[in-house]
Amino acid sequence: MLPAPEYLVEFATLMVAPAVGYVATAEPVASAGPEIVMGSVMIRLECGASASRIASVVHALTATP
């Protein structure tokens, strides 16, 4: 059994890939930047936004006047 989470929200890295023998070529896909959703507000950041940029937007959303 796993221990109880230390924080309310935790993140884990997940890598999904097909078996090595099945990959022929990489197909280009439309890239989109991160989306931050809080209630009825959705903010779409540019593709490649840095972690500090994302954190500053989230911090601004959670700030109280």
N, C-alpha and C. Protein backbone atom coordinates (compact mmCIF):
# COMPACT_ATOMS: atom_id res chain seq x y z
N MET A 1 0.85 -1.17 0.00
CA MET A 1 0.00 0.00 0.00
C MET A 1 0.90 1.24 0.00
N LEU A 2 0.49 2.24 -0.78
CA LEU A 2 1.26 3.48 -0.86
C LEU A 2 0.97 4.38 0.33
N PRO A 3 1.95 5.17 0.73
CA PRO A 3 1.70 6.10 1.84
C PRO A 3 0.75 7.21 1.40
N ALA A 4 0.12 7.87 2.34
CA ALA A 4 -0.78 8.98 2.03
C ALA A 4 0.01 10.10 1.38
N PRO A 5 -0.59 10.84 0.44
CA PRO A 5 0.13 11.94 -0.19
C PRO A 5 0.54 12.99 0.82
N GLU A 6 1.71 13.55 0.59
CA GLU A 6 2.23 14.57 1.51
C GLU A 6 1.52 15.90 1.29
N TYR A 7 1.16 16.20 0.04
CA TYR A 7 0.51 17.46 -0.29
C TYR A 7 -0.85 17.18 -0.93
N LEU A 8 -1.70 18.19 -1.02
CA LEU A 8 -3.02 18.04 -1.61
C LEU A 8 -2.92 17.66 -3.09
N VAL A 9 -1.95 18.26 -3.79
CA VAL A 9 -1.75 17.97 -5.20
C VAL A 9 -0.33 17.48 -5.39
N GLU A 10 -0.17 16.37 -6.10
CA GLU A 10 1.15 15.85 -6.41
C GLU A 10 1.24 15.58 -7.90
N PHE A 11 2.43 15.66 -8.44
CA PHE A 11 2.65 15.44 -9.86
C PHE A 11 3.57 14.24 -10.06
N ALA A 12 3.35 13.54 -11.15
CA ALA A 12 4.21 12.41 -11.48
C ALA A 12 4.51 12.47 -12.97
N THR A 13 5.69 12.05 -13.36
CA THR A 13 6.05 12.00 -14.76
C THR A 13 5.52 10.71 -15.36
N LEU A 14 4.94 10.83 -16.54
CA LEU A 14 4.40 9.66 -17.23
C LEU A 14 4.92 9.69 -18.66
N MET A 15 5.57 8.62 -19.06
CA MET A 15 6.06 8.53 -20.43
C MET A 15 5.35 7.36 -21.09
N VAL A 16 4.73 7.64 -22.22
CA VAL A 16 4.00 6.61 -22.95
C VAL A 16 4.63 6.50 -24.33
N ALA A 17 4.98 5.29 -24.72
CA ALA A 17 5.58 5.08 -26.03
C ALA A 17 5.23 3.68 -26.51
N PRO A 18 5.06 3.54 -27.81
CA PRO A 18 4.80 2.20 -28.34
C PRO A 18 6.06 1.34 -28.23
N ALA A 19 5.89 0.06 -28.44
CA ALA A 19 7.04 -0.84 -28.44
C ALA A 19 8.05 -0.36 -29.49
N VAL A 20 9.32 -0.54 -29.23
CA VAL A 20 10.39 0.00 -30.08
C VAL A 20 10.25 -0.44 -31.53
N GLY A 21 9.83 -1.65 -31.80
CA GLY A 21 9.74 -2.17 -33.16
C GLY A 21 8.67 -1.51 -34.00
N TYR A 22 7.74 -0.79 -33.42
CA TYR A 22 6.62 -0.25 -34.18
C TYR A 22 6.78 1.20 -34.61
N VAL A 23 7.81 1.87 -34.18
CA VAL A 23 7.99 3.28 -34.52
C VAL A 23 8.70 3.38 -35.87
N ALA A 24 8.00 3.97 -36.88
CA ALA A 24 8.60 4.12 -38.20
C ALA A 24 9.12 5.55 -38.36
N THR A 25 8.24 6.53 -38.26
CA THR A 25 8.63 7.93 -38.35
C THR A 25 7.75 8.73 -37.40
N ALA A 26 8.24 9.86 -37.01
CA ALA A 26 7.46 10.74 -36.15
C ALA A 26 6.55 11.59 -37.02
N GLU A 27 5.30 11.69 -36.61
CA GLU A 27 4.35 12.53 -37.34
C GLU A 27 4.24 13.88 -36.66
N PRO A 28 4.34 14.95 -37.44
CA PRO A 28 4.20 16.26 -36.81
C PRO A 28 2.77 16.47 -36.31
N VAL A 29 2.66 17.10 -35.17
CA VAL A 29 1.34 17.41 -34.61
C VAL A 29 1.29 18.90 -34.31
N ALA A 30 0.09 19.42 -34.28
CA ALA A 30 -0.07 20.83 -33.93
C ALA A 30 0.32 21.00 -32.47
N SER A 31 1.20 21.92 -32.22
CA SER A 31 1.61 22.13 -30.84
C SER A 31 0.83 23.29 -30.24
N ALA A 32 0.42 23.10 -29.04
CA ALA A 32 -0.30 24.15 -28.32
C ALA A 32 0.41 24.39 -27.01
N GLY A 33 0.33 25.60 -26.55
CA GLY A 33 0.95 25.93 -25.28
C GLY A 33 0.09 25.46 -24.12
N PRO A 34 0.58 25.65 -22.92
CA PRO A 34 -0.17 25.22 -21.74
C PRO A 34 -1.43 26.06 -21.55
N GLU A 35 -2.46 25.44 -20.99
CA GLU A 35 -3.70 26.13 -20.66
C GLU A 35 -3.87 26.10 -19.15
N ILE A 36 -4.20 27.23 -18.58
CA ILE A 36 -4.45 27.33 -17.15
C ILE A 36 -5.92 27.66 -16.98
N VAL A 37 -6.64 26.80 -16.25
CA VAL A 37 -8.07 26.99 -16.05
C VAL A 37 -8.33 27.19 -14.57
N MET A 38 -9.04 28.27 -14.25
CA MET A 38 -9.42 28.53 -12.86
C MET A 38 -10.85 29.07 -12.88
N GLY A 39 -11.79 28.24 -12.47
CA GLY A 39 -13.19 28.63 -12.53
C GLY A 39 -13.61 28.84 -13.97
N SER A 40 -14.16 30.00 -14.27
CA SER A 40 -14.61 30.29 -15.64
C SER A 40 -13.53 30.97 -16.48
N VAL A 41 -12.31 31.09 -15.94
CA VAL A 41 -11.22 31.75 -16.65
C VAL A 41 -10.29 30.70 -17.25
N MET A 42 -9.98 30.85 -18.55
CA MET A 42 -9.00 29.98 -19.20
C MET A 42 -7.94 30.87 -19.83
N ILE A 43 -6.70 30.61 -19.50
CA ILE A 43 -5.58 31.37 -20.07
C ILE A 43 -4.73 30.40 -20.88
N ARG A 44 -4.51 30.74 -22.14
CA ARG A 44 -3.66 29.94 -23.00
C ARG A 44 -2.34 30.68 -23.19
N LEU A 45 -1.27 30.03 -22.79
CA LEU A 45 0.06 30.62 -22.94
C LEU A 45 0.71 30.14 -24.22
N GLU A 46 1.74 30.86 -24.62
CA GLU A 46 2.45 30.51 -25.84
C GLU A 46 3.16 29.16 -25.68
N CYS A 47 3.33 28.49 -26.79
CA CYS A 47 4.06 27.22 -26.79
C CYS A 47 5.49 27.50 -26.35
N GLY A 48 6.00 26.71 -25.46
CA GLY A 48 7.36 26.90 -24.98
C GLY A 48 7.46 27.85 -23.81
N ALA A 49 6.32 28.20 -23.20
CA ALA A 49 6.35 29.09 -22.03
C ALA A 49 7.17 28.43 -20.93
N SER A 50 8.01 29.22 -20.29
CA SER A 50 8.88 28.67 -19.25
C SER A 50 8.08 28.36 -17.99
N ALA A 51 8.66 27.54 -17.15
CA ALA A 51 8.00 27.18 -15.88
C ALA A 51 7.80 28.42 -15.01
N SER A 52 8.76 29.34 -15.05
CA SER A 52 8.61 30.55 -14.23
C SER A 52 7.48 31.43 -14.77
N ARG A 53 7.29 31.46 -16.07
CA ARG A 53 6.17 32.22 -16.67
C ARG A 53 4.85 31.61 -16.25
N ILE A 54 4.74 30.29 -16.34
CA ILE A 54 3.51 29.60 -15.95
C ILE A 54 3.23 29.85 -14.47
N ALA A 55 4.26 29.73 -13.64
CA ALA A 55 4.10 29.93 -12.19
C ALA A 55 3.67 31.36 -11.89
N SER A 56 4.20 32.34 -12.60
CA SER A 56 3.82 33.73 -12.32
C SER A 56 2.36 33.98 -12.70
N VAL A 57 1.87 33.37 -13.77
CA VAL A 57 0.47 33.53 -14.15
C VAL A 57 -0.44 32.86 -13.12
N VAL A 58 -0.08 31.66 -12.68
CA VAL A 58 -0.88 30.96 -11.65
C VAL A 58 -0.87 31.76 -10.36
N HIS A 59 0.27 32.28 -9.99
CA HIS A 59 0.37 33.08 -8.77
C HIS A 59 -0.53 34.31 -8.87
N ALA A 60 -0.53 34.97 -10.02
CA ALA A 60 -1.38 36.15 -10.20
C ALA A 60 -2.85 35.79 -10.14
N LEU A 61 -3.23 34.63 -10.65
CA LEU A 61 -4.63 34.19 -10.60
C LEU A 61 -5.09 33.92 -9.17
N THR A 62 -4.19 33.45 -8.35
CA THR A 62 -4.57 33.08 -6.99
C THR A 62 -4.40 34.21 -5.99
N ALA A 63 -3.85 35.33 -6.43
CA ALA A 63 -3.65 36.47 -5.53
C ALA A 63 -5.01 37.09 -5.16
N THR A 64 -5.14 37.51 -3.93
CA THR A 64 -6.38 38.16 -3.51
C THR A 64 -6.10 39.65 -3.29
N PRO A 65 -7.05 40.48 -3.68
CA PRO A 65 -6.83 41.93 -3.54
C PRO A 65 -6.86 42.38 -2.10
